Amino acid sequence: MLSIVWVSGLVILGFVQVQSEAPVELLLVDPALSSGVPWYAGLVTSLGAIGWTTATVSAWIGSRVSIWVGRGQAATMFRGGALLFLLLTLDDVFGFHAWVVPDALHTTKLVPLAIQAALAGGWVLTNRREILRTRTELLGAAVIAFAVSVGIDLLVVGQDVGTRALFEDGAKFLGVLALAAWSTATTLDVLGSVIRQAEAAPSTLEVPPEVELSR
């Protein structure tokens, strides 16, 4: 495991060193230090990135647990969710829909946003039976908050920058919190079910060797 993560890290650092598009220090130092803005600049955005990461990791853990206990449909839901949340995490952190994709394809942000919406809708429709067994109020709240954020981004113009950011980015932040809560709560529900099953009938639950604890 250490070899995998360190080799991956060294590949990234090697790319940083050999590329010539940006100064090395600009890619390594904290943005607040390089731009001269206060340390709290982008505070809510950073917290949102943590929320996206929480949603992604929780869903991936849920997929692994579901595979171990033979819950194939739940594993599919979690795995698809983890991949979707990872995509949205990278988009939010690096601004793919706002700058990278529009600049590369010479189009508007509507194209990447439409792709993201299609992927999210496909995930929900494909896994609707499993999703309906979860805490749908949390996932529904996330969808509504994201829709409000995108609507303000695309439709509202001419507002004060601070007011617009409060409602647009604030709605997105609330959506991220709701999504992280859904992913975490759903994974904990699965873990709780597995633990109860193990306590009721230990012989019926097969634990993979890699997660067995030494006695």
C-alpha atoms as a PDB file:
ATOM      1  CA  MET A   1       0.000   0.000   0.000  1.00  0.00           C
ATOM      2  CA  LEU A   2       2.818   2.402   0.857  1.00  0.00           C
ATOM      3  CA  SER A   3       4.464   1.659  -2.493  1.00  0.00           C
ATOM      4  CA  ILE A   4       1.246   2.421  -4.343  1.00  0.00           C
ATOM      5  CA  VAL A   5       0.547   5.750  -2.649  1.00  0.00           C
ATOM      6  CA  TRP A   6       4.154   6.938  -2.681  1.00  0.00           C
ATOM      7  CA  VAL A   7       4.704   5.993  -6.321  1.00  0.00           C
ATOM      8  CA  SER A   8       1.503   7.869  -7.180  1.00  0.00           C
ATOM      9  CA  GLY A   9       2.725  10.857  -5.182  1.00  0.00           C
ATOM     10  CA  LEU A  10       6.145  10.764  -6.843  1.00  0.00           C
ATOM     11  CA  VAL A  11       4.525  10.688 -10.281  1.00  0.00           C
ATOM     12  CA  ILE A  12       2.579  13.830  -9.418  1.00  0.00           C
ATOM     13  CA  LEU A  13       5.684  15.553  -8.030  1.00  0.00           C
ATOM     14  CA  GLY A  14       7.660  14.497 -11.104  1.00  0.00           C
ATOM     15  CA  PHE A  15       5.028  16.050 -13.357  1.00  0.00           C
ATOM     16  CA  VAL A  16       5.174  19.252 -11.310  1.00  0.00           C
ATOM     17  CA  GLN A  17       8.939  19.367 -11.825  1.00  0.00           C
ATOM     18  CA  VAL A  18       9.067  18.648 -15.575  1.00  0.00           C
ATOM     19  CA  GLN A  19       6.115  20.783 -16.714  1.00  0.00           C
ATOM     20  CA  SER A  20       6.875  24.283 -17.942  1.00  0.00           C
ATOM     21  CA  GLU A  21       3.451  25.943 -17.855  1.00  0.00           C
ATOM     22  CA  ALA A  22       3.610  27.228 -14.272  1.00  0.00           C
ATOM     23  CA  PRO A  23       6.318  27.909 -11.672  1.00  0.00           C
ATOM     24  CA  VAL A  24       6.887  24.928  -9.394  1.00  0.00           C
ATOM     25  CA  GLU A  25       6.321  26.936  -6.218  1.00  0.00           C
ATOM     26  CA  LEU A  26       2.950  28.123  -7.562  1.00  0.00           C
ATOM     27  CA  LEU A  27       1.762  24.513  -7.740  1.00  0.00           C
ATOM     28  CA  LEU A  28       3.035  23.576  -4.287  1.00  0.00           C
ATOM     29  CA  VAL A  29       2.403  26.462  -1.923  1.00  0.00           C
ATOM     30  CA  ASP A  30      -0.913  27.389  -0.347  1.00  0.00           C
ATOM     31  CA  PRO A  31      -2.965  29.700  -2.634  1.00  0.00           C
ATOM     32  CA  ALA A  32      -3.385  32.235   0.176  1.00  0.00           C
ATOM     33  CA  LEU A  33       0.392  32.546   0.534  1.00  0.00           C
ATOM     34  CA  SER A  34       1.048  32.885  -3.192  1.00  0.00           C
ATOM     35  CA  SER A  35      -1.669  35.473  -3.806  1.00  0.00           C
ATOM     36  CA  GLY A  36      -1.170  37.561  -0.696  1.00  0.00           C
ATOM     37  CA  VAL A  37      -4.795  37.266   0.437  1.00  0.00           C
ATOM     38  CA  PRO A  38      -5.717  36.532   4.075  1.00  0.00           C
ATOM     39  CA  TRP A  39      -5.479  32.942   5.318  1.00  0.00           C
ATOM     40  CA  TYR A  40      -9.262  32.640   5.501  1.00  0.00           C
ATOM     41  CA  ALA A  41      -9.784  33.395   1.805  1.00  0.00           C
ATOM     42  CA  GLY A  42     -11.863  30.606   0.287  1.00  0.00           C
ATOM     43  CA  LEU A  43     -12.743  29.187   3.711  1.00  0.00           C
ATOM     44  CA  VAL A  44     -16.216  27.966   2.712  1.00  0.00           C
ATOM     45  CA  THR A  45     -14.854  26.560  -0.541  1.00  0.00           C
ATOM     46  CA  SER A  46     -12.234  24.578   1.385  1.00  0.00           C
ATOM     47  CA  LEU A  47     -14.880  23.251   3.761  1.00  0.00           C
ATOM     48  CA  GLY A  48     -16.950  22.303   0.731  1.00  0.00           C
ATOM     49  CA  ALA A  49     -14.012  20.343  -0.686  1.00  0.00           C
ATOM     50  CA  ILE A  50     -13.816  18.439   2.600  1.00  0.00           C
ATOM     51  CA  GLY A  51     -17.548  17.733   2.295  1.00  0.00           C
ATOM     52  CA  TRP A  52     -17.159  16.425  -1.260  1.00  0.00           C
ATOM     53  CA  THR A  53     -14.282  14.212  -0.136  1.00  0.00           C
ATOM     54  CA  THR A  54     -16.319  12.885   2.792  1.00  0.00           C
ATOM     55  CA  ALA A  55     -19.168  11.954   0.459  1.00  0.00           C
ATOM     56  CA  THR A  56     -16.788  10.218  -1.961  1.00  0.00           C
ATOM     57  CA  VAL A  57     -14.848   8.231   0.637  1.00  0.00           C
ATOM     58  CA  SER A  58     -17.975   7.228   2.560  1.00  0.00           C
ATOM     59  CA  ALA A  59     -19.600   5.913  -0.612  1.00  0.00           C
ATOM     60  CA  TRP A  60     -16.482   3.957  -1.522  1.00  0.00           C
ATOM     61  CA  ILE A  61     -16.364   2.381   1.945  1.00  0.00           C
ATOM     62  CA  GLY A  62     -20.037   1.507   1.573  1.00  0.00           C
ATOM     63  CA  SER A  63     -19.322  -0.223  -1.738  1.00  0.00           C
ATOM     64  CA  ARG A  64     -16.529  -2.315  -0.224  1.00  0.00           C
ATOM     65  CA  VAL A  65     -18.629  -3.386   2.755  1.00  0.00           C
ATOM     66  CA  SER A  66     -21.561  -4.238   0.495  1.00  0.00           C
ATOM     67  CA  ILE A  67     -19.319  -6.397  -1.693  1.00  0.00           C
ATOM     68  CA  TRP A  68     -17.948  -8.247   1.342  1.00  0.00           C
ATOM     69  CA  VAL A  69     -21.430  -9.186   2.564  1.00  0.00           C
ATOM     70  CA  GLY A  70     -22.830 -10.033  -0.858  1.00  0.00           C
ATOM     71  CA  ARG A  71     -25.152  -7.058  -1.341  1.00  0.00           C
ATOM     72  CA  GLY A  72     -24.561  -6.563  -5.029  1.00  0.00           C
ATOM     73  CA  GLN A  73     -27.172  -3.894  -5.734  1.00  0.00           C
ATOM     74  CA  ALA A  74     -26.083  -1.785  -2.793  1.00  0.00           C
ATOM     75  CA  ALA A  75     -22.459  -2.154  -3.899  1.00  0.00           C
ATOM     76  CA  THR A  76     -23.392  -0.934  -7.386  1.00  0.00           C
ATOM     77  CA  MET A  77     -25.204   2.090  -5.945  1.00  0.00           C
ATOM     78  CA  PHE A  78     -22.316   3.005  -3.665  1.00  0.00           C
ATOM     79  CA  ARG A  79     -19.656   2.454  -6.329  1.00  0.00           C
ATOM     80  CA  GLY A  80     -21.491   4.570  -8.902  1.00  0.00           C
ATOM     81  CA  GLY A  81     -22.052   7.238  -6.267  1.00  0.00           C
ATOM     82  CA  ALA A  82     -18.389   7.259  -5.298  1.00  0.00           C
ATOM     83  CA  LEU A  83     -17.304   7.745  -8.920  1.00  0.00           C
ATOM     84  CA  LEU A  84     -19.903  10.473  -9.468  1.00  0.00           C
ATOM     85  CA  PHE A  85     -18.948  12.271  -6.247  1.00  0.00           C
ATOM     86  CA  LEU A  86     -15.259  12.012  -7.164  1.00  0.00           C
ATOM     87  CA  LEU A  87     -15.966  13.674 -10.514  1.00  0.00           C
ATOM     88  CA  LEU A  88     -17.911  16.445  -8.793  1.00  0.00           C
ATOM     89  CA  THR A  89     -15.148  16.840  -6.210  1.00  0.00           C
ATOM     90  CA  LEU A  90     -12.504  17.335  -8.892  1.00  0.00           C
ATOM     91  CA  ASP A  91     -14.797  19.702 -10.775  1.00  0.00           C
ATOM     92  CA  ASP A  92     -15.415  21.825  -7.687  1.00  0.00           C
ATOM     93  CA  VAL A  93     -11.745  21.945  -6.686  1.00  0.00           C
ATOM     94  CA  PHE A  94     -10.290  22.614 -10.137  1.00  0.00           C
ATOM     95  CA  GLY A  95     -13.208  24.451 -11.773  1.00  0.00           C
ATOM     96  CA  PHE A  96     -13.576  22.111 -14.752  1.00  0.00           C
ATOM     97  CA  HIS A  97     -17.100  23.253 -15.660  1.00  0.00           C
ATOM     98  CA  ALA A  98     -16.346  26.923 -15.084  1.00  0.00           C
ATOM     99  CA  TRP A  99     -13.006  27.343 -16.862  1.00  0.00           C
ATOM    100  CA  VAL A 100     -11.150  24.226 -18.007  1.00  0.00           C
ATOM    101  CA  VAL A 101     -13.766  22.535 -20.220  1.00  0.00           C
ATOM    102  CA  PRO A 102     -15.274  25.753 -21.690  1.00  0.00           C
ATOM    103  CA  ASP A 103     -11.807  27.018 -22.607  1.00  0.00           C
ATOM    104  CA  ALA A 104     -10.723  23.678 -24.059  1.00  0.00           C
ATOM    105  CA  LEU A 105     -13.891  23.111 -26.107  1.00  0.00           C
ATOM    106  CA  HIS A 106     -14.606  26.799 -26.819  1.00  0.00           C
ATOM    107  CA  THR A 107     -18.087  26.476 -25.404  1.00  0.00           C
ATOM    108  CA  THR A 108     -20.120  27.668 -22.445  1.00  0.00           C
ATOM    109  CA  LYS A 109     -20.382  26.108 -19.011  1.00  0.00           C
ATOM    110  CA  LEU A 110     -23.782  24.707 -20.001  1.00  0.00           C
ATOM    111  CA  VAL A 111     -22.134  21.738 -21.741  1.00  0.00           C
ATOM    112  CA  PRO A 112     -20.175  20.349 -18.748  1.00  0.00           C
ATOM    113  CA  LEU A 113     -23.086  21.146 -16.421  1.00  0.00           C
ATOM    114  CA  ALA A 114     -25.458  19.222 -18.698  1.00  0.00           C
ATOM    115  CA  ILE A 115     -23.065  16.266 -18.739  1.00  0.00           C
ATOM    116  CA  GLN A 116     -22.856  16.278 -14.957  1.00  0.00           C
ATOM    117  CA  ALA A 117     -26.642  16.470 -14.654  1.00  0.00           C
ATOM    118  CA  ALA A 118     -27.034  13.571 -17.081  1.00  0.00           C
ATOM    119  CA  LEU A 119     -24.548  11.437 -15.154  1.00  0.00           C
ATOM    120  CA  ALA A 120     -26.241  12.230 -11.847  1.00  0.00           C
ATOM    121  CA  GLY A 121     -29.684  11.503 -13.292  1.00  0.00           C
ATOM    122  CA  GLY A 122     -28.461   8.239 -14.773  1.00  0.00           C
ATOM    123  CA  TRP A 123     -27.033   7.175 -11.418  1.00  0.00           C
ATOM    124  CA  VAL A 124     -30.310   7.938  -9.629  1.00  0.00           C
ATOM    125  CA  LEU A 125     -32.490   6.184 -12.219  1.00  0.00           C
ATOM    126  CA  THR A 126     -30.235   3.128 -12.415  1.00  0.00           C
ATOM    127  CA  ASN A 127     -30.111   2.717  -8.644  1.00  0.00           C
ATOM    128  CA  ARG A 128     -33.531   4.118  -7.736  1.00  0.00           C
ATOM    129  CA  ARG A 129     -34.684   0.991  -5.867  1.00  0.00           C
ATOM    130  CA  GLU A 130     -31.653   0.997  -3.600  1.00  0.00           C
ATOM    131  CA  ILE A 131     -31.707   4.768  -3.192  1.00  0.00           C
ATOM    132  CA  LEU A 132     -35.349   4.689  -2.085  1.00  0.00           C
ATOM    133  CA  ARG A 133     -34.279   2.439   0.792  1.00  0.00           C
ATOM    134  CA  THR A 134     -31.892   5.111   2.084  1.00  0.00           C
ATOM    135  CA  ARG A 135     -32.444   8.490   3.745  1.00  0.00           C
ATOM    136  CA  THR A 136     -33.892  10.102   0.651  1.00  0.00           C
ATOM    137  CA  GLU A 137     -34.680  13.367   2.435  1.00  0.00           C
ATOM    138  CA  LEU A 138     -30.957  14.077   2.659  1.00  0.00           C
ATOM    139  CA  LEU A 139     -30.305  13.272  -0.993  1.00  0.00           C
ATOM    140  CA  GLY A 140     -33.375  15.239  -2.050  1.00  0.00           C
ATOM    141  CA  ALA A 141     -32.204  18.257  -0.085  1.00  0.00           C
ATOM    142  CA  ALA A 142     -28.811  18.042  -1.806  1.00  0.00           C
ATOM    143  CA  VAL A 143     -30.426  17.933  -5.259  1.00  0.00           C
ATOM    144  CA  ILE A 144     -32.614  20.950  -4.486  1.00  0.00           C
ATOM    145  CA  ALA A 145     -29.684  22.966  -3.124  1.00  0.00           C
ATOM    146  CA  PHE A 146     -27.515  22.165  -6.167  1.00  0.00           C
ATOM    147  CA  ALA A 147     -30.379  23.087  -8.503  1.00  0.00           C
ATOM    148  CA  VAL A 148     -30.774  26.453  -6.754  1.00  0.00           C
ATOM    149  CA  SER A 149     -27.026  27.114  -7.027  1.00  0.00           C
ATOM    150  CA  VAL A 150     -26.890  26.271 -10.735  1.00  0.00           C
ATOM    151  CA  GLY A 151     -30.062  28.277 -11.394  1.00  0.00           C
ATOM    152  CA  ILE A 152     -28.599  31.378  -9.770  1.00  0.00           C
ATOM    153  CA  ASP A 153     -25.331  30.863 -11.655  1.00  0.00           C
ATOM    154  CA  LEU A 154     -27.056  30.669 -15.039  1.00  0.00           C
ATOM    155  CA  LEU A 155     -30.058  32.950 -14.671  1.00  0.00           C
ATOM    156  CA  VAL A 156     -29.310  35.708 -12.164  1.00  0.00           C
ATOM    157  CA  VAL A 157     -27.293  38.663 -13.443  1.00  0.00           C
ATOM    158  CA  GLY A 158     -26.542  42.173 -12.263  1.00  0.00           C
ATOM    159  CA  GLN A 159     -26.549  41.437  -8.551  1.00  0.00           C
ATOM    160  CA  ASP A 160     -23.995  42.579  -6.007  1.00  0.00           C
ATOM    161  CA  VAL A 161     -21.027  40.209  -6.082  1.00  0.00           C
ATOM    162  CA  GLY A 162     -21.211  39.424  -2.388  1.00  0.00           C
ATOM    163  CA  THR A 163     -24.969  38.810  -2.426  1.00  0.00           C
ATOM    164  CA  ARG A 164     -24.761  36.623  -5.509  1.00  0.00           C
ATOM    165  CA  ALA A 165     -21.909  34.583  -4.036  1.00  0.00           C
ATOM    166  CA  LEU A 166     -23.783  34.160  -0.763  1.00  0.00           C
ATOM    167  CA  PHE A 167     -26.811  32.631  -2.447  1.00  0.00           C
ATOM    168  CA  GLU A 168     -25.070  30.748  -5.276  1.00  0.00           C
ATOM    169  CA  ASP A 169     -22.083  29.347  -3.412  1.00  0.00           C
ATOM    170  CA  GLY A 170     -24.039  29.158  -0.168  1.00  0.00           C
ATOM    171  CA  ALA A 171     -26.656  26.920  -1.784  1.00  0.00           C
ATOM    172  CA  LYS A 172     -23.927  24.710  -3.224  1.00  0.00           C
ATOM    173  CA  PHE A 173     -22.266  24.466   0.196  1.00  0.00           C
ATOM    174  CA  LEU A 174     -25.541  23.391   1.802  1.00  0.00           C
ATOM    175  CA  GLY A 175     -25.964  20.826  -0.966  1.00  0.00           C
ATOM    176  CA  VAL A 176     -22.508  19.409  -0.316  1.00  0.00           C
ATOM    177  CA  LEU A 177     -23.256  19.107   3.402  1.00  0.00           C
ATOM    178  CA  ALA A 178     -26.511  17.272   2.664  1.00  0.00           C
ATOM    179  CA  LEU A 179     -24.770  14.940   0.198  1.00  0.00           C
ATOM    180  CA  ALA A 180     -21.970  14.155   2.659  1.00  0.00           C
ATOM    181  CA  ALA A 181     -24.588  13.486   5.331  1.00  0.00           C
ATOM    182  CA  TRP A 182     -26.481  11.121   3.001  1.00  0.00           C
ATOM    183  CA  SER A 183     -23.367   9.212   1.973  1.00  0.00           C
ATOM    184  CA  THR A 184     -22.065   8.910   5.526  1.00  0.00           C
ATOM    185  CA  ALA A 185     -25.427   7.985   7.050  1.00  0.00           C
ATOM    186  CA  THR A 186     -26.158   5.399   4.360  1.00  0.00           C
ATOM    187  CA  THR A 187     -22.761   3.754   4.806  1.00  0.00           C
ATOM    188  CA  LEU A 188     -23.218   3.700   8.582  1.00  0.00           C
ATOM    189  CA  ASP A 189     -26.655   2.131   8.109  1.00  0.00           C
ATOM    190  CA  VAL A 190     -25.092  -0.669   6.066  1.00  0.00           C
ATOM    191  CA  LEU A 191     -22.324  -1.148   8.620  1.00  0.00           C
ATOM    192  CA  GLY A 192     -24.888  -1.248  11.409  1.00  0.00           C
ATOM    193  CA  SER A 193     -26.890  -3.884   9.545  1.00  0.00           C
ATOM    194  CA  VAL A 194     -23.771  -5.983   9.029  1.00  0.00           C
ATOM    195  CA  ILE A 195     -22.827  -5.737  12.700  1.00  0.00           C
ATOM    196  CA  ARG A 196     -26.320  -6.741  13.806  1.00  0.00           C
ATOM    197  CA  GLN A 197     -26.235  -9.676  11.398  1.00  0.00           C
ATOM    198  CA  ALA A 198     -22.864 -10.772  12.758  1.00  0.00           C
ATOM    199  CA  GLU A 199     -24.088 -10.559  16.348  1.00  0.00           C
ATOM    200  CA  ALA A 200     -27.260 -12.509  15.580  1.00  0.00           C
ATOM    201  CA  ALA A 201     -25.667 -15.239  13.475  1.00  0.00           C
ATOM    202  CA  PRO A 202     -21.874 -14.999  13.300  1.00  0.00           C
ATOM    203  CA  SER A 203     -21.537 -18.097  11.121  1.00  0.00           C
ATOM    204  CA  THR A 204     -23.611 -16.556   8.308  1.00  0.00           C
ATOM    205  CA  LEU A 205     -21.286 -13.610   7.821  1.00  0.00           C
ATOM    206  CA  GLU A 206     -18.098 -14.238   5.864  1.00  0.00           C
ATOM    207  CA  VAL A 207     -15.441 -11.638   6.546  1.00  0.00           C
ATOM    208  CA  PRO A 208     -12.699 -11.317   3.900  1.00  0.00           C
ATOM    209  CA  PRO A 209      -9.176 -12.191   5.076  1.00  0.00           C
ATOM    210  CA  GLU A 210      -7.864  -8.642   4.591  1.00  0.00           C
ATOM    211  CA  VAL A 211     -10.202  -7.254   7.237  1.00  0.00           C
ATOM    212  CA  GLU A 212     -10.001 -10.037   9.788  1.00  0.00           C
ATOM    213  CA  LEU A 213      -8.554  -8.944  13.108  1.00  0.00           C
ATOM    214  CA  SER A 214      -5.897 -11.049  14.771  1.00  0.00           C
ATOM    215  CA  ARG A 215      -7.143 -12.676  17.922  1.00  0.00           C
END
